[in-house]
Amino acid sequence: MDDACCRQFFLEPTETYHRQYEALRAFFVEGRRLQEIAQQFGYQESSLRSMVCRFRAHLQANDLRPFLPCPYRKLRHSVFSEV
């Protein structure tokens, strides 16, 4: 079975939150350089650096869903906070 389309989905994401996720994953999990990641996903290196800082801040604030739109994120955050 040819999985080229499936690979492309992960390597060339088109949706904003998916692109952010994959870029941050490349930085935190794969340990890749910001310059390389920014080029792959179409970001300025300074924008990606800001995204990394904001992501860290979300986790420190116990905001477990930083990629979801704001209204849904608040709902999910309150659900997780009660557990």
PDB file of N, CA and C in Angstrom:
ATOM      1  N   MET A   1       0.837  -1.176   0.000  1.00  0.00           N
ATOM      2  CA  MET A   1       0.000   0.000   0.000  1.00  0.00           C
ATOM      3  C   MET A   1       0.885   1.244   0.000  1.00  0.00           C
ATOM      4  N   ASP A   2       0.556   2.223  -0.835  1.00  0.00           N
ATOM      5  CA  ASP A   2       1.312   3.465  -0.932  1.00  0.00           C
ATOM      6  C   ASP A   2       0.778   4.466   0.086  1.00  0.00           C
ATOM      7  N   ASP A   3       1.609   4.814   1.043  1.00  0.00           N
ATOM      8  CA  ASP A   3       1.209   5.747   2.104  1.00  0.00           C
ATOM      9  C   ASP A   3       1.766   7.147   1.896  1.00  0.00           C
ATOM     10  N   ALA A   4       2.088   7.503   0.663  1.00  0.00           N
ATOM     11  CA  ALA A   4       2.674   8.819   0.388  1.00  0.00           C
ATOM     12  C   ALA A   4       1.765   9.952   0.869  1.00  0.00           C
ATOM     13  N   CYS A   5       0.469   9.832   0.646  1.00  0.00           N
ATOM     14  CA  CYS A   5      -0.466  10.874   1.096  1.00  0.00           C
ATOM     15  C   CYS A   5      -0.490  10.971   2.616  1.00  0.00           C
ATOM     16  N   CYS A   6      -0.393   9.845   3.274  1.00  0.00           N
ATOM     17  CA  CYS A   6      -0.380   9.844   4.743  1.00  0.00           C
ATOM     18  C   CYS A   6       0.883  10.522   5.262  1.00  0.00           C
ATOM     19  N   ARG A   7       2.034  10.217   4.669  1.00  0.00           N
ATOM     20  CA  ARG A   7       3.282  10.869   5.071  1.00  0.00           C
ATOM     21  C   ARG A   7       3.199  12.370   4.823  1.00  0.00           C
ATOM     22  N   GLN A   8       2.648  12.750   3.683  1.00  0.00           N
ATOM     23  CA  GLN A   8       2.533  14.157   3.327  1.00  0.00           C
ATOM     24  C   GLN A   8       1.674  14.909   4.354  1.00  0.00           C
ATOM     25  N   PHE A   9       0.632  14.265   4.866  1.00  0.00           N
ATOM     26  CA  PHE A   9      -0.231  14.879   5.872  1.00  0.00           C
ATOM     27  C   PHE A   9       0.587  15.354   7.072  1.00  0.00           C
ATOM     28  N   PHE A  10       1.551  14.548   7.511  1.00  0.00           N
ATOM     29  CA  PHE A  10       2.364  14.899   8.670  1.00  0.00           C
ATOM     30  C   PHE A  10       3.536  15.805   8.316  1.00  0.00           C
ATOM     31  N   LEU A  11       4.147  15.597   7.162  1.00  0.00           N
ATOM     32  CA  LEU A  11       5.331  16.355   6.795  1.00  0.00           C
ATOM     33  C   LEU A  11       5.018  17.731   6.218  1.00  0.00           C
ATOM     34  N   GLU A  12       3.827  17.890   5.628  1.00  0.00           N
ATOM     35  CA  GLU A  12       3.444  19.163   5.023  1.00  0.00           C
ATOM     36  C   GLU A  12       2.036  19.567   5.468  1.00  0.00           C
ATOM     37  N   PRO A  13       1.846  19.792   6.773  1.00  0.00           N
ATOM     38  CA  PRO A  13       0.507  20.146   7.264  1.00  0.00           C
ATOM     39  C   PRO A  13       0.048  21.487   6.700  1.00  0.00           C
ATOM     40  N   THR A  14      -1.240  21.578   6.420  1.00  0.00           N
ATOM     41  CA  THR A  14      -1.786  22.806   5.854  1.00  0.00           C
ATOM     42  C   THR A  14      -2.602  23.602   6.864  1.00  0.00           C
ATOM     43  N   GLU A  15      -3.180  22.949   7.847  1.00  0.00           N
ATOM     44  CA  GLU A  15      -3.978  23.638   8.863  1.00  0.00           C
ATOM     45  C   GLU A  15      -3.055  24.309   9.891  1.00  0.00           C
ATOM     46  N   THR A  16      -3.430  25.489  10.340  1.00  0.00           N
ATOM     47  CA  THR A  16      -2.591  26.290  11.232  1.00  0.00           C
ATOM     48  C   THR A  16      -2.175  25.534  12.488  1.00  0.00           C
ATOM     49  N   TYR A  17      -3.131  24.979  13.219  1.00  0.00           N
ATOM     50  CA  TYR A  17      -2.804  24.299  14.477  1.00  0.00           C
ATOM     51  C   TYR A  17      -1.986  23.031  14.243  1.00  0.00           C
ATOM     52  N   HIS A  18      -2.230  22.365  13.147  1.00  0.00           N
ATOM     53  CA  HIS A  18      -1.452  21.170  12.828  1.00  0.00           C
ATOM     54  C   HIS A  18      -0.003  21.560  12.521  1.00  0.00           C
ATOM     55  N   ARG A  19       0.191  22.646  11.751  1.00  0.00           N
ATOM     56  CA  ARG A  19       1.548  23.118  11.448  1.00  0.00           C
ATOM     57  C   ARG A  19       2.278  23.506  12.728  1.00  0.00           C
ATOM     58  N   GLN A  20       1.583  24.200  13.623  1.00  0.00           N
ATOM     59  CA  GLN A  20       2.213  24.583  14.887  1.00  0.00           C
ATOM     60  C   GLN A  20       2.612  23.354  15.688  1.00  0.00           C
ATOM     61  N   TYR A  21       1.716  22.389  15.766  1.00  0.00           N
ATOM     62  CA  TYR A  21       1.994  21.155  16.498  1.00  0.00           C
ATOM     63  C   TYR A  21       3.232  20.461  15.947  1.00  0.00           C
ATOM     64  N   GLU A  22       3.264  20.276  14.631  1.00  0.00           N
ATOM     65  CA  GLU A  22       4.381  19.562  14.021  1.00  0.00           C
ATOM     66  C   GLU A  22       5.690  20.326  14.190  1.00  0.00           C
ATOM     67  N   ALA A  23       5.657  21.649  14.100  1.00  0.00           N
ATOM     68  CA  ALA A  23       6.862  22.449  14.282  1.00  0.00           C
ATOM     69  C   ALA A  23       7.372  22.337  15.721  1.00  0.00           C
ATOM     70  N   LEU A  24       6.471  22.455  16.682  1.00  0.00           N
ATOM     71  CA  LEU A  24       6.879  22.323  18.084  1.00  0.00           C
ATOM     72  C   LEU A  24       7.348  20.911  18.404  1.00  0.00           C
ATOM     73  N   ARG A  25       6.703  19.938  17.825  1.00  0.00           N
ATOM     74  CA  ARG A  25       7.125  18.549  18.030  1.00  0.00           C
ATOM     75  C   ARG A  25       8.542  18.336  17.497  1.00  0.00           C
ATOM     76  N   ALA A  26       8.822  18.901  16.337  1.00  0.00           N
ATOM     77  CA  ALA A  26      10.160  18.790  15.755  1.00  0.00           C
ATOM     78  C   ALA A  26      11.212  19.398  16.679  1.00  0.00           C
ATOM     79  N   PHE A  27      10.855  20.496  17.348  1.00  0.00           N
ATOM     80  CA  PHE A  27      11.794  21.147  18.260  1.00  0.00           C
ATOM     81  C   PHE A  27      11.967  20.357  19.552  1.00  0.00           C
ATOM     82  N   PHE A  28      10.861  20.055  20.223  1.00  0.00           N
ATOM     83  CA  PHE A  28      10.939  19.435  21.545  1.00  0.00           C
ATOM     84  C   PHE A  28      11.232  17.941  21.510  1.00  0.00           C
ATOM     85  N   VAL A  29      10.691  17.226  20.553  1.00  0.00           N
ATOM     86  CA  VAL A  29      10.852  15.769  20.527  1.00  0.00           C
ATOM     87  C   VAL A  29      12.052  15.347  19.692  1.00  0.00           C
ATOM     88  N   GLU A  30      12.178  15.948  18.517  1.00  0.00           N
ATOM     89  CA  GLU A  30      13.262  15.549  17.622  1.00  0.00           C
ATOM     90  C   GLU A  30      14.553  16.321  17.867  1.00  0.00           C
ATOM     91  N   GLY A  31      14.465  17.439  18.607  1.00  0.00           N
ATOM     92  CA  GLY A  31      15.647  18.227  18.934  1.00  0.00           C
ATOM     93  C   GLY A  31      16.250  18.956  17.744  1.00  0.00           C
ATOM     94  N   ARG A  32      15.416  19.265  16.755  1.00  0.00           N
ATOM     95  CA  ARG A  32      15.916  19.946  15.558  1.00  0.00           C
ATOM     96  C   ARG A  32      16.109  21.433  15.815  1.00  0.00           C
ATOM     97  N   ARG A  33      16.918  22.063  14.995  1.00  0.00           N
ATOM     98  CA  ARG A  33      17.228  23.486  15.130  1.00  0.00           C
ATOM     99  C   ARG A  33      16.062  24.340  14.643  1.00  0.00           C
ATOM    100  N   LEU A  34      15.863  25.481  15.310  1.00  0.00           N
ATOM    101  CA  LEU A  34      14.774  26.387  14.955  1.00  0.00           C
ATOM    102  C   LEU A  34      14.843  26.818  13.491  1.00  0.00           C
ATOM    103  N   GLN A  35      16.019  27.120  13.009  1.00  0.00           N
ATOM    104  CA  GLN A  35      16.177  27.582  11.631  1.00  0.00           C
ATOM    105  C   GLN A  35      15.667  26.540  10.633  1.00  0.00           C
ATOM    106  N   GLU A  36      16.031  25.303  10.855  1.00  0.00           N
ATOM    107  CA  GLU A  36      15.611  24.199   9.977  1.00  0.00           C
ATOM    108  C   GLU A  36      14.094  23.996  10.023  1.00  0.00           C
ATOM    109  N   ILE A  37      13.541  24.023  11.216  1.00  0.00           N
ATOM    110  CA  ILE A  37      12.098  23.819  11.397  1.00  0.00           C
ATOM    111  C   ILE A  37      11.316  24.972  10.775  1.00  0.00           C
ATOM    112  N   ALA A  38      11.770  26.194  11.019  1.00  0.00           N
ATOM    113  CA  ALA A  38      11.091  27.368  10.467  1.00  0.00           C
ATOM    114  C   ALA A  38      11.036  27.290   8.951  1.00  0.00           C
ATOM    115  N   GLN A  39      12.122  26.903   8.347  1.00  0.00           N
ATOM    116  CA  GLN A  39      12.163  26.784   6.894  1.00  0.00           C
ATOM    117  C   GLN A  39      11.198  25.712   6.400  1.00  0.00           C
ATOM    118  N   GLN A  40      11.169  24.568   7.061  1.00  0.00           N
ATOM    119  CA  GLN A  40      10.295  23.475   6.636  1.00  0.00           C
ATOM    120  C   GLN A  40       8.818  23.850   6.714  1.00  0.00           C
ATOM    121  N   PHE A  41       8.417  24.535   7.784  1.00  0.00           N
ATOM    122  CA  PHE A  41       7.006  24.800   8.019  1.00  0.00           C
ATOM    123  C   PHE A  41       6.574  26.225   7.649  1.00  0.00           C
ATOM    124  N   GLY A  42       7.474  27.005   7.056  1.00  0.00           N
ATOM    125  CA  GLY A  42       7.112  28.322   6.553  1.00  0.00           C
ATOM    126  C   GLY A  42       6.983  29.407   7.606  1.00  0.00           C
ATOM    127  N   TYR A  43       7.778  29.326   8.656  1.00  0.00           N
ATOM    128  CA  TYR A  43       7.771  30.348   9.701  1.00  0.00           C
ATOM    129  C   TYR A  43       9.052  31.163   9.632  1.00  0.00           C
ATOM    130  N   GLN A  44       9.003  32.371  10.171  1.00  0.00           N
ATOM    131  CA  GLN A  44      10.230  33.114  10.447  1.00  0.00           C
ATOM    132  C   GLN A  44      10.824  32.474  11.699  1.00  0.00           C
ATOM    133  N   GLU A  45      12.145  32.430  11.784  1.00  0.00           N
ATOM    134  CA  GLU A  45      12.775  31.829  12.957  1.00  0.00           C
ATOM    135  C   GLU A  45      12.347  32.552  14.236  1.00  0.00           C
ATOM    136  N   SER A  46      12.234  33.876  14.188  1.00  0.00           N
ATOM    137  CA  SER A  46      11.824  34.634  15.373  1.00  0.00           C
ATOM    138  C   SER A  46      10.383  34.290  15.779  1.00  0.00           C
ATOM    139  N   SER A  47       9.514  34.047  14.811  1.00  0.00           N
ATOM    140  CA  SER A  47       8.128  33.655  15.107  1.00  0.00           C
ATOM    141  C   SER A  47       8.081  32.286  15.765  1.00  0.00           C
ATOM    142  N   LEU A  48       8.899  31.385  15.274  1.00  0.00           N
ATOM    143  CA  LEU A  48       8.947  30.044  15.858  1.00  0.00           C
ATOM    144  C   LEU A  48       9.502  30.098  17.275  1.00  0.00           C
ATOM    145  N   ARG A  49      10.507  30.942  17.494  1.00  0.00           N
ATOM    146  CA  ARG A  49      11.064  31.094  18.845  1.00  0.00           C
ATOM    147  C   ARG A  49       9.981  31.595  19.801  1.00  0.00           C
ATOM    148  N   SER A  50       9.167  32.552  19.349  1.00  0.00           N
ATOM    149  CA  SER A  50       8.050  33.052  20.164  1.00  0.00           C
ATOM    150  C   SER A  50       7.036  31.944  20.435  1.00  0.00           C
ATOM    151  N   MET A  51       6.772  31.136  19.425  1.00  0.00           N
ATOM    152  CA  MET A  51       5.827  30.030  19.580  1.00  0.00           C
ATOM    153  C   MET A  51       6.327  29.042  20.643  1.00  0.00           C
ATOM    154  N   VAL A  52       7.622  28.769  20.641  1.00  0.00           N
ATOM    155  CA  VAL A  52       8.218  27.875  21.641  1.00  0.00           C
ATOM    156  C   VAL A  52       8.034  28.473  23.040  1.00  0.00           C
ATOM    157  N   CYS A  53       8.285  29.775  23.177  1.00  0.00           N
ATOM    158  CA  CYS A  53       8.129  30.440  24.483  1.00  0.00           C
ATOM    159  C   CYS A  53       6.683  30.409  24.959  1.00  0.00           C
ATOM    160  N   ARG A  54       5.746  30.689  24.038  1.00  0.00           N
ATOM    161  CA  ARG A  54       4.320  30.667  24.402  1.00  0.00           C
ATOM    162  C   ARG A  54       3.881  29.257  24.793  1.00  0.00           C
ATOM    163  N   PHE A  55       4.382  28.250  24.087  1.00  0.00           N
ATOM    164  CA  PHE A  55       4.034  26.873  24.406  1.00  0.00           C
ATOM    165  C   PHE A  55       4.507  26.518  25.819  1.00  0.00           C
ATOM    166  N   ARG A  56       5.732  26.882  26.128  1.00  0.00           N
ATOM    167  CA  ARG A  56       6.251  26.622  27.477  1.00  0.00           C
ATOM    168  C   ARG A  56       5.388  27.320  28.536  1.00  0.00           C
ATOM    169  N   ALA A  57       4.989  28.558  28.246  1.00  0.00           N
ATOM    170  CA  ALA A  57       4.158  29.319  29.186  1.00  0.00           C
ATOM    171  C   ALA A  57       2.796  28.651  29.372  1.00  0.00           C
ATOM    172  N   HIS A  58       2.208  28.142  28.280  1.00  0.00           N
ATOM    173  CA  HIS A  58       0.922  27.430  28.381  1.00  0.00           C
ATOM    174  C   HIS A  58       1.056  26.231  29.318  1.00  0.00           C
ATOM    175  N   LEU A  59       2.116  25.477  29.160  1.00  0.00           N
ATOM    176  CA  LEU A  59       2.284  24.294  30.008  1.00  0.00           C
ATOM    177  C   LEU A  59       2.557  24.669  31.455  1.00  0.00           C
ATOM    178  N   GLN A  60       3.348  25.714  31.677  1.00  0.00           N
ATOM    179  CA  GLN A  60       3.615  26.159  33.046  1.00  0.00           C
ATOM    180  C   GLN A  60       2.351  26.661  33.722  1.00  0.00           C
ATOM    181  N   ALA A  61       1.419  27.221  32.926  1.00  0.00           N
ATOM    182  CA  ALA A  61       0.150  27.715  33.465  1.00  0.00           C
ATOM    183  C   ALA A  61      -0.883  26.595  33.570  1.00  0.00           C
ATOM    184  N   ASN A  62      -0.452  25.371  33.281  1.00  0.00           N
ATOM    185  CA  ASN A  62      -1.321  24.194  33.327  1.00  0.00           C
ATOM    186  C   ASN A  62      -2.448  24.278  32.295  1.00  0.00           C
ATOM    187  N   ASP A  63      -2.176  24.927  31.170  1.00  0.00           N
ATOM    188  CA  ASP A  63      -3.117  24.987  30.053  1.00  0.00           C
ATOM    189  C   ASP A  63      -2.777  23.814  29.141  1.00  0.00           C
ATOM    190  N   LEU A  64      -3.497  22.736  29.284  1.00  0.00           N
ATOM    191  CA  LEU A  64      -3.150  21.481  28.616  1.00  0.00           C
ATOM    192  C   LEU A  64      -3.517  21.437  27.143  1.00  0.00           C
ATOM    193  N   ARG A  65      -4.271  22.403  26.637  1.00  0.00           N
ATOM    194  CA  ARG A  65      -4.751  22.358  25.257  1.00  0.00           C
ATOM    195  C   ARG A  65      -4.370  23.628  24.489  1.00  0.00           C
ATOM    196  N   PRO A  66      -3.094  23.947  24.311  1.00  0.00           N
ATOM    197  CA  PRO A  66      -2.729  25.212  23.678  1.00  0.00           C
ATOM    198  C   PRO A  66      -3.037  25.303  22.185  1.00  0.00           C
ATOM    199  N   PHE A  67      -3.441  24.224  21.528  1.00  0.00           N
ATOM    200  CA  PHE A  67      -3.689  24.256  20.097  1.00  0.00           C
ATOM    201  C   PHE A  67      -5.158  24.370  19.727  1.00  0.00           C
ATOM    202  N   LEU A  68      -6.037  24.397  20.707  1.00  0.00           N
ATOM    203  CA  LEU A  68      -7.454  24.472  20.405  1.00  0.00           C
ATOM    204  C   LEU A  68      -7.921  25.921  20.416  1.00  0.00           C
ATOM    205  N   PRO A  69      -8.925  26.246  19.629  1.00  0.00           N
ATOM    206  CA  PRO A  69      -9.472  27.610  19.650  1.00  0.00           C
ATOM    207  C   PRO A  69      -9.898  28.002  21.064  1.00  0.00           C
ATOM    208  N   CYS A  70      -9.798  29.260  21.388  1.00  0.00           N
ATOM    209  CA  CYS A  70      -9.993  29.755  22.757  1.00  0.00           C
ATOM    210  C   CYS A  70     -11.253  29.258  23.472  1.00  0.00           C
ATOM    211  N   PRO A  71     -12.459  29.379  22.920  1.00  0.00           N
ATOM    212  CA  PRO A  71     -13.638  28.950  23.691  1.00  0.00           C
ATOM    213  C   PRO A  71     -13.585  27.461  24.051  1.00  0.00           C
ATOM    214  N   TYR A  72     -13.162  26.632  23.122  1.00  0.00           N
ATOM    215  CA  TYR A  72     -13.094  25.207  23.400  1.00  0.00           C
ATOM    216  C   TYR A  72     -11.966  24.910  24.382  1.00  0.00           C
ATOM    217  N   ARG A  73     -10.870  25.628  24.248  1.00  0.00           N
ATOM    218  CA  ARG A  73      -9.735  25.406  25.132  1.00  0.00           C
ATOM    219  C   ARG A  73     -10.142  25.654  26.577  1.00  0.00           C
ATOM    220  N   LYS A  74     -10.891  26.729  26.839  1.00  0.00           N
ATOM    221  CA  LYS A  74     -11.316  27.042  28.202  1.00  0.00           C
ATOM    222  C   LYS A  74     -12.237  25.966  28.756  1.00  0.00           C
ATOM    223  N   LEU A  75     -13.121  25.460  27.915  1.00  0.00           N
ATOM    224  CA  LEU A  75     -14.010  24.385  28.334  1.00  0.00           C
ATOM    225  C   LEU A  75     -13.211  23.144  28.700  1.00  0.00           C
ATOM    226  N   ARG A  76     -12.306  22.738  27.818  1.00  0.00           N
ATOM    227  CA  ARG A  76     -11.505  21.544  28.075  1.00  0.00           C
ATOM    228  C   ARG A  76     -10.607  21.753  29.285  1.00  0.00           C
ATOM    229  N   HIS A  77     -10.045  22.957  29.419  1.00  0.00           N
ATOM    230  CA  HIS A  77      -9.157  23.240  30.545  1.00  0.00           C
ATOM    231  C   HIS A  77      -9.916  23.077  31.856  1.00  0.00           C
ATOM    232  N   SER A  78     -11.146  23.569  31.912  1.00  0.00           N
ATOM    233  CA  SER A  78     -11.905  23.455  33.151  1.00  0.00           C
ATOM    234  C   SER A  78     -12.269  21.983  33.428  1.00  0.00           C
ATOM    235  N   VAL A  79     -12.502  21.215  32.397  1.00  0.00           N
ATOM    236  CA  VAL A  79     -12.789  19.789  32.584  1.00  0.00           C
ATOM    237  C   VAL A  79     -11.565  19.089  33.161  1.00  0.00           C
ATOM    238  N   PHE A  80     -10.384  19.401  32.609  1.00  0.00           N
ATOM    239  CA  PHE A  80      -9.174  18.755  33.114  1.00  0.00           C
ATOM    240  C   PHE A  80      -8.833  19.229  34.522  1.00  0.00           C
ATOM    241  N   SER A  81      -9.138  20.481  34.843  1.00  0.00           N
ATOM    242  CA  SER A  81      -8.816  21.016  36.163  1.00  0.00           C
ATOM    243  C   SER A  81      -9.606  20.327  37.263  1.00  0.00           C
ATOM    244  N   GLU A  82     -10.791  19.837  36.924  1.00  0.00           N
ATOM    245  CA  GLU A  82     -11.633  19.225  37.943  1.00  0.00           C
ATOM    246  C   GLU A  82     -11.245  17.786  38.251  1.00  0.00           C
ATOM    247  N   VAL A  83     -10.415  17.185  37.394  1.00  0.00           N
ATOM    248  CA  VAL A  83     -10.051  15.781  37.587  1.00  0.00           C
ATOM    249  C   VAL A  83      -9.053  15.648  38.702  1.00  0.00           C
TER     250      VAL A  83
END
